[in-house]
Amino acid sequence: MKQSEIIEQLTDHELRKSVIYSQILFLIISLLVSFLLFDSLEEWTSLFHLDMKEIVYFGFFSGIIIVVVDLIMISLLPKSLYDDGGINKRIFSGMSLPNIFFLTLLIAVSEELLFRGVIQTTFGYMIASISFAFVHFRYLNKPVLLISIIFVSFLIGYMYEHTGNLLVTITSHFIVDFLLGLVIRYKIWGD
């Protein structure tokens, strides 16, 4: 059975739960592998810097720019080129603002800990960025979405290369997911 067929059989609530469970799994994997790969807790915590200038400049503003570019693409391109099969619409439609906040925060933290904190720190920028794009395999048959996720993956990976700060990448990832979640939930852009 294809992934799209499995997803169609899930209720919106079950789909949201599967997203939450997958992110919790990413978080657990990140923490367990971190204990194996990092020599000390201090080495692991050194990946986080509360540098507000970096967080705002690289994390917040880059997240805003990614969202603006995404919304422009949505406006200019036919819906069929950026349609993910309605999955994001099913996830975010009907969610409360606090639930969107916490879900997108969970996604940003778990994915950035795994892909930047563990994979990029250990195996490098290219492997982490390609792995991140590959995990979003539902986009593989959607060239525009695939190019978009690859671009975002490499951009966020580059930000981590430049800053060495997971709080920057978590912020950027969160801003992108949260704002696009709001756009979908409140039907702010498009149909």
C-alpha atoms as a PDB file:
ATOM      1  CA  MET A   1       0.000   0.000   0.000  1.00  0.00           C
ATOM      2  CA  LYS A   2       1.321   3.459  -0.934  1.00  0.00           C
ATOM      3  CA  GLN A   3       1.923   6.130   1.700  1.00  0.00           C
ATOM      4  CA  SER A   4      -0.805   8.317   0.195  1.00  0.00           C
ATOM      5  CA  GLU A   5      -3.324   5.478   0.511  1.00  0.00           C
ATOM      6  CA  ILE A   6      -2.389   4.896   4.151  1.00  0.00           C
ATOM      7  CA  ILE A   7      -2.684   8.611   4.905  1.00  0.00           C
ATOM      8  CA  GLU A   8      -6.094   8.797   3.236  1.00  0.00           C
ATOM      9  CA  GLN A   9      -7.346   6.092   5.594  1.00  0.00           C
ATOM     10  CA  LEU A  10      -6.287   8.064   8.675  1.00  0.00           C
ATOM     11  CA  THR A  11      -8.592  10.587  10.296  1.00  0.00           C
ATOM     12  CA  ASP A  12      -7.177  14.108  10.720  1.00  0.00           C
ATOM     13  CA  HIS A  13      -6.721  13.372  14.436  1.00  0.00           C
ATOM     14  CA  GLU A  14      -4.828  10.142  13.685  1.00  0.00           C
ATOM     15  CA  LEU A  15      -2.673  11.976  11.138  1.00  0.00           C
ATOM     16  CA  ARG A  16      -1.753  14.624  13.730  1.00  0.00           C
ATOM     17  CA  LYS A  17      -0.961  11.895  16.269  1.00  0.00           C
ATOM     18  CA  SER A  18       1.313  10.134  13.757  1.00  0.00           C
ATOM     19  CA  VAL A  19       3.191  13.411  13.199  1.00  0.00           C
ATOM     20  CA  ILE A  20       3.594  13.864  16.949  1.00  0.00           C
ATOM     21  CA  TYR A  21       4.784  10.269  17.409  1.00  0.00           C
ATOM     22  CA  SER A  22       7.290  10.557  14.557  1.00  0.00           C
ATOM     23  CA  GLN A  23       8.701  13.753  16.055  1.00  0.00           C
ATOM     24  CA  ILE A  24       8.960  12.202  19.513  1.00  0.00           C
ATOM     25  CA  LEU A  25      10.810   9.294  17.880  1.00  0.00           C
ATOM     26  CA  PHE A  26      13.218  11.783  16.211  1.00  0.00           C
ATOM     27  CA  LEU A  27      13.731  13.448  19.595  1.00  0.00           C
ATOM     28  CA  ILE A  28      14.457  10.140  21.357  1.00  0.00           C
ATOM     29  CA  ILE A  29      16.819   9.036  18.580  1.00  0.00           C
ATOM     30  CA  SER A  30      18.603  12.407  18.757  1.00  0.00           C
ATOM     31  CA  LEU A  31      19.119  12.178  22.490  1.00  0.00           C
ATOM     32  CA  LEU A  32      20.202   8.520  22.493  1.00  0.00           C
ATOM     33  CA  VAL A  33      22.629   8.967  19.595  1.00  0.00           C
ATOM     34  CA  SER A  34      23.970  12.157  21.199  1.00  0.00           C
ATOM     35  CA  PHE A  35      24.957  10.155  24.280  1.00  0.00           C
ATOM     36  CA  LEU A  36      26.883   7.789  22.024  1.00  0.00           C
ATOM     37  CA  LEU A  37      28.536  10.350  19.741  1.00  0.00           C
ATOM     38  CA  PHE A  38      29.376  13.207  22.101  1.00  0.00           C
ATOM     39  CA  ASP A  39      32.110  12.795  24.695  1.00  0.00           C
ATOM     40  CA  SER A  40      30.307  14.820  27.335  1.00  0.00           C
ATOM     41  CA  LEU A  41      27.126  16.681  28.142  1.00  0.00           C
ATOM     42  CA  GLU A  42      29.161  19.878  27.971  1.00  0.00           C
ATOM     43  CA  GLU A  43      30.183  19.125  24.387  1.00  0.00           C
ATOM     44  CA  TRP A  44      26.522  18.566  23.461  1.00  0.00           C
ATOM     45  CA  THR A  45      25.214  21.662  25.240  1.00  0.00           C
ATOM     46  CA  SER A  46      27.917  23.745  23.527  1.00  0.00           C
ATOM     47  CA  LEU A  47      25.768  23.469  20.378  1.00  0.00           C
ATOM     48  CA  PHE A  48      23.279  25.899  21.957  1.00  0.00           C
ATOM     49  CA  HIS A  49      24.147  29.594  22.318  1.00  0.00           C
ATOM     50  CA  LEU A  50      21.693  32.153  23.640  1.00  0.00           C
ATOM     51  CA  ASP A  51      23.006  34.803  21.244  1.00  0.00           C
ATOM     52  CA  MET A  52      19.942  36.926  20.515  1.00  0.00           C
ATOM     53  CA  LYS A  53      21.604  38.772  17.649  1.00  0.00           C
ATOM     54  CA  GLU A  54      22.346  35.478  15.850  1.00  0.00           C
ATOM     55  CA  ILE A  55      18.950  34.022  16.703  1.00  0.00           C
ATOM     56  CA  VAL A  56      17.066  37.052  15.390  1.00  0.00           C
ATOM     57  CA  TYR A  57      19.293  37.831  12.416  1.00  0.00           C
ATOM     58  CA  PHE A  58      19.873  34.314  11.134  1.00  0.00           C
ATOM     59  CA  GLY A  59      16.970  32.386  12.665  1.00  0.00           C
ATOM     60  CA  PHE A  60      13.994  34.724  12.774  1.00  0.00           C
ATOM     61  CA  PHE A  61      14.647  36.800   9.659  1.00  0.00           C
ATOM     62  CA  SER A  62      15.647  33.851   7.501  1.00  0.00           C
ATOM     63  CA  GLY A  63      12.455  32.071   8.592  1.00  0.00           C
ATOM     64  CA  ILE A  64      10.402  35.101   7.545  1.00  0.00           C
ATOM     65  CA  ILE A  65      12.188  35.281   4.183  1.00  0.00           C
ATOM     66  CA  ILE A  66      11.587  31.565   3.539  1.00  0.00           C
ATOM     67  CA  VAL A  67       7.869  31.994   4.282  1.00  0.00           C
ATOM     68  CA  VAL A  68       7.574  35.071   2.040  1.00  0.00           C
ATOM     69  CA  VAL A  69       9.312  33.261  -0.832  1.00  0.00           C
ATOM     70  CA  ASP A  70       7.066  30.235  -0.277  1.00  0.00           C
ATOM     71  CA  LEU A  71       3.925  32.387  -0.335  1.00  0.00           C
ATOM     72  CA  ILE A  72       5.080  34.130  -3.514  1.00  0.00           C
ATOM     73  CA  MET A  73       5.639  30.728  -5.137  1.00  0.00           C
ATOM     74  CA  ILE A  74       2.177  29.630  -4.033  1.00  0.00           C
ATOM     75  CA  SER A  75       0.732  32.752  -5.651  1.00  0.00           C
ATOM     76  CA  LEU A  76       2.596  32.373  -8.922  1.00  0.00           C
ATOM     77  CA  LEU A  77       2.529  28.627  -9.525  1.00  0.00           C
ATOM     78  CA  PRO A  78      -0.423  26.381 -10.299  1.00  0.00           C
ATOM     79  CA  LYS A  79      -1.796  24.677  -7.200  1.00  0.00           C
ATOM     80  CA  SER A  80      -0.895  21.246  -8.586  1.00  0.00           C
ATOM     81  CA  LEU A  81       2.829  22.072  -8.364  1.00  0.00           C
ATOM     82  CA  TYR A  82       2.887  22.830  -4.633  1.00  0.00           C
ATOM     83  CA  ASP A  83       0.024  20.631  -3.433  1.00  0.00           C
ATOM     84  CA  ASP A  84       1.255  18.032  -0.921  1.00  0.00           C
ATOM     85  CA  GLY A  85      -1.894  15.970  -1.279  1.00  0.00           C
ATOM     86  CA  GLY A  86      -3.670  18.003   1.369  1.00  0.00           C
ATOM     87  CA  ILE A  87      -1.610  16.584   4.222  1.00  0.00           C
ATOM     88  CA  ASN A  88      -0.560  19.927   5.709  1.00  0.00           C
ATOM     89  CA  LYS A  89      -4.113  21.211   5.314  1.00  0.00           C
ATOM     90  CA  ARG A  90      -5.435  18.177   7.199  1.00  0.00           C
ATOM     91  CA  ILE A  91      -2.828  18.611   9.937  1.00  0.00           C
ATOM     92  CA  PHE A  92      -3.321  22.329  10.568  1.00  0.00           C
ATOM     93  CA  SER A  93      -6.981  22.973   9.686  1.00  0.00           C
ATOM     94  CA  GLY A  94      -9.059  23.133  12.808  1.00  0.00           C
ATOM     95  CA  MET A  95      -6.073  23.231  15.169  1.00  0.00           C
ATOM     96  CA  SER A  96      -6.034  25.844  17.890  1.00  0.00           C
ATOM     97  CA  LEU A  97      -3.285  28.463  17.938  1.00  0.00           C
ATOM     98  CA  PRO A  98      -1.600  26.914  21.013  1.00  0.00           C
ATOM     99  CA  ASN A  99      -1.684  23.453  19.382  1.00  0.00           C
ATOM    100  CA  ILE A 100      -0.107  24.828  16.195  1.00  0.00           C
ATOM    101  CA  PHE A 101       2.542  26.528  18.331  1.00  0.00           C
ATOM    102  CA  PHE A 102       3.423  23.388  20.289  1.00  0.00           C
ATOM    103  CA  LEU A 103       3.317  21.044  17.284  1.00  0.00           C
ATOM    104  CA  THR A 104       5.569  23.260  15.173  1.00  0.00           C
ATOM    105  CA  LEU A 105       7.915  23.802  18.125  1.00  0.00           C
ATOM    106  CA  LEU A 106       8.146  20.017  18.623  1.00  0.00           C
ATOM    107  CA  ILE A 107       8.875  19.552  14.910  1.00  0.00           C
ATOM    108  CA  ALA A 108      11.546  22.275  14.863  1.00  0.00           C
ATOM    109  CA  VAL A 109      13.297  21.032  18.003  1.00  0.00           C
ATOM    110  CA  SER A 110      13.222  17.326  17.159  1.00  0.00           C
ATOM    111  CA  GLU A 111      14.260  17.692  13.510  1.00  0.00           C
ATOM    112  CA  GLU A 112      17.004  20.229  14.197  1.00  0.00           C
ATOM    113  CA  LEU A 113      18.437  18.192  17.069  1.00  0.00           C
ATOM    114  CA  LEU A 114      18.584  15.154  14.794  1.00  0.00           C
ATOM    115  CA  PHE A 115      19.631  16.671  11.470  1.00  0.00           C
ATOM    116  CA  ARG A 116      21.875  19.528  12.587  1.00  0.00           C
ATOM    117  CA  GLY A 117      22.841  18.589  16.134  1.00  0.00           C
ATOM    118  CA  VAL A 118      23.578  14.915  15.498  1.00  0.00           C
ATOM    119  CA  ILE A 119      23.905  14.246  11.770  1.00  0.00           C
ATOM    120  CA  GLN A 120      25.488  17.512  10.613  1.00  0.00           C
ATOM    121  CA  THR A 121      27.796  17.782  13.611  1.00  0.00           C
ATOM    122  CA  THR A 122      28.955  14.189  13.118  1.00  0.00           C
ATOM    123  CA  PHE A 123      28.738  13.503   9.384  1.00  0.00           C
ATOM    124  CA  GLY A 124      28.721  16.959   7.802  1.00  0.00           C
ATOM    125  CA  TYR A 125      26.603  19.527   6.061  1.00  0.00           C
ATOM    126  CA  MET A 126      25.875  17.630   2.837  1.00  0.00           C
ATOM    127  CA  ILE A 127      24.747  14.394   4.487  1.00  0.00           C
ATOM    128  CA  ALA A 128      22.548  16.236   6.998  1.00  0.00           C
ATOM    129  CA  SER A 129      20.915  18.428   4.346  1.00  0.00           C
ATOM    130  CA  ILE A 130      20.260  15.536   1.976  1.00  0.00           C
ATOM    131  CA  SER A 131      18.958  13.380   4.854  1.00  0.00           C
ATOM    132  CA  PHE A 132      16.603  16.159   5.938  1.00  0.00           C
ATOM    133  CA  ALA A 133      15.232  16.492   2.412  1.00  0.00           C
ATOM    134  CA  PHE A 134      14.922  12.717   2.066  1.00  0.00           C
ATOM    135  CA  VAL A 135      12.893  12.407   5.288  1.00  0.00           C
ATOM    136  CA  HIS A 136      10.318  14.607   3.583  1.00  0.00           C
ATOM    137  CA  PHE A 137       9.910  11.845   0.980  1.00  0.00           C
ATOM    138  CA  ARG A 138       6.268  12.686   0.366  1.00  0.00           C
ATOM    139  CA  TYR A 139       7.643  15.519  -1.775  1.00  0.00           C
ATOM    140  CA  LEU A 140       9.706  13.246  -4.024  1.00  0.00           C
ATOM    141  CA  ASN A 141       7.025  13.190  -6.730  1.00  0.00           C
ATOM    142  CA  LYS A 142       6.375  16.932  -6.413  1.00  0.00           C
ATOM    143  CA  PRO A 143       9.375  18.687  -8.058  1.00  0.00           C
ATOM    144  CA  VAL A 144       8.558  22.207  -6.812  1.00  0.00           C
ATOM    145  CA  LEU A 145       8.080  21.040  -3.229  1.00  0.00           C
ATOM    146  CA  LEU A 146      11.189  18.869  -3.466  1.00  0.00           C
ATOM    147  CA  ILE A 147      13.320  21.762  -4.730  1.00  0.00           C
ATOM    148  CA  SER A 148      11.871  23.974  -2.011  1.00  0.00           C
ATOM    149  CA  ILE A 149      12.628  21.512   0.800  1.00  0.00           C
ATOM    150  CA  ILE A 150      16.138  20.880  -0.563  1.00  0.00           C
ATOM    151  CA  PHE A 151      16.786  24.632  -0.699  1.00  0.00           C
ATOM    152  CA  VAL A 152      15.467  25.152   2.835  1.00  0.00           C
ATOM    153  CA  SER A 153      17.456  22.170   4.094  1.00  0.00           C
ATOM    154  CA  PHE A 154      20.711  23.475   2.642  1.00  0.00           C
ATOM    155  CA  LEU A 155      19.979  27.018   3.832  1.00  0.00           C
ATOM    156  CA  ILE A 156      19.316  25.917   7.400  1.00  0.00           C
ATOM    157  CA  GLY A 157      22.341  23.631   7.252  1.00  0.00           C
ATOM    158  CA  TYR A 158      24.450  26.551   6.059  1.00  0.00           C
ATOM    159  CA  MET A 159      23.163  28.701   8.928  1.00  0.00           C
ATOM    160  CA  TYR A 160      24.288  25.994  11.321  1.00  0.00           C
ATOM    161  CA  GLU A 161      27.682  25.788   9.590  1.00  0.00           C
ATOM    162  CA  HIS A 162      28.037  29.550   9.921  1.00  0.00           C
ATOM    163  CA  THR A 163      26.799  29.971  13.506  1.00  0.00           C
ATOM    164  CA  GLY A 164      27.321  26.553  15.125  1.00  0.00           C
ATOM    165  CA  ASN A 165      24.161  27.397  17.049  1.00  0.00           C
ATOM    166  CA  LEU A 166      21.194  25.024  17.170  1.00  0.00           C
ATOM    167  CA  LEU A 167      18.996  27.783  18.612  1.00  0.00           C
ATOM    168  CA  VAL A 168      19.372  29.615  15.286  1.00  0.00           C
ATOM    169  CA  THR A 169      18.253  26.631  13.213  1.00  0.00           C
ATOM    170  CA  ILE A 170      15.456  25.718  15.621  1.00  0.00           C
ATOM    171  CA  THR A 171      14.189  29.310  15.458  1.00  0.00           C
ATOM    172  CA  SER A 172      14.256  29.428  11.667  1.00  0.00           C
ATOM    173  CA  HIS A 173      12.586  26.021  11.307  1.00  0.00           C
ATOM    174  CA  PHE A 174       9.947  26.969  13.886  1.00  0.00           C
ATOM    175  CA  ILE A 175       9.167  30.314  12.237  1.00  0.00           C
ATOM    176  CA  VAL A 176       8.681  28.615   8.849  1.00  0.00           C
ATOM    177  CA  ASP A 177       6.444  25.825  10.153  1.00  0.00           C
ATOM    178  CA  PHE A 178       4.491  28.014  12.581  1.00  0.00           C
ATOM    179  CA  LEU A 179       3.722  30.792  10.093  1.00  0.00           C
ATOM    180  CA  LEU A 180       2.811  28.366   7.302  1.00  0.00           C
ATOM    181  CA  GLY A 181       0.675  26.441   9.807  1.00  0.00           C
ATOM    182  CA  LEU A 182      -1.150  29.702  10.618  1.00  0.00           C
ATOM    183  CA  VAL A 183      -1.546  30.480   6.919  1.00  0.00           C
ATOM    184  CA  ILE A 184      -3.171  27.081   6.379  1.00  0.00           C
ATOM    185  CA  ARG A 185      -5.284  27.162   9.551  1.00  0.00           C
ATOM    186  CA  TYR A 186      -6.659  30.646   9.044  1.00  0.00           C
ATOM    187  CA  LYS A 187      -6.766  30.468   5.226  1.00  0.00           C
ATOM    188  CA  ILE A 188      -4.669  33.638   5.048  1.00  0.00           C
ATOM    189  CA  TRP A 189      -3.166  32.995   1.609  1.00  0.00           C
ATOM    190  CA  GLY A 190      -4.626  31.237  -1.389  1.00  0.00           C
ATOM    191  CA  ASP A 191      -7.606  28.938  -1.102  1.00  0.00           C
END
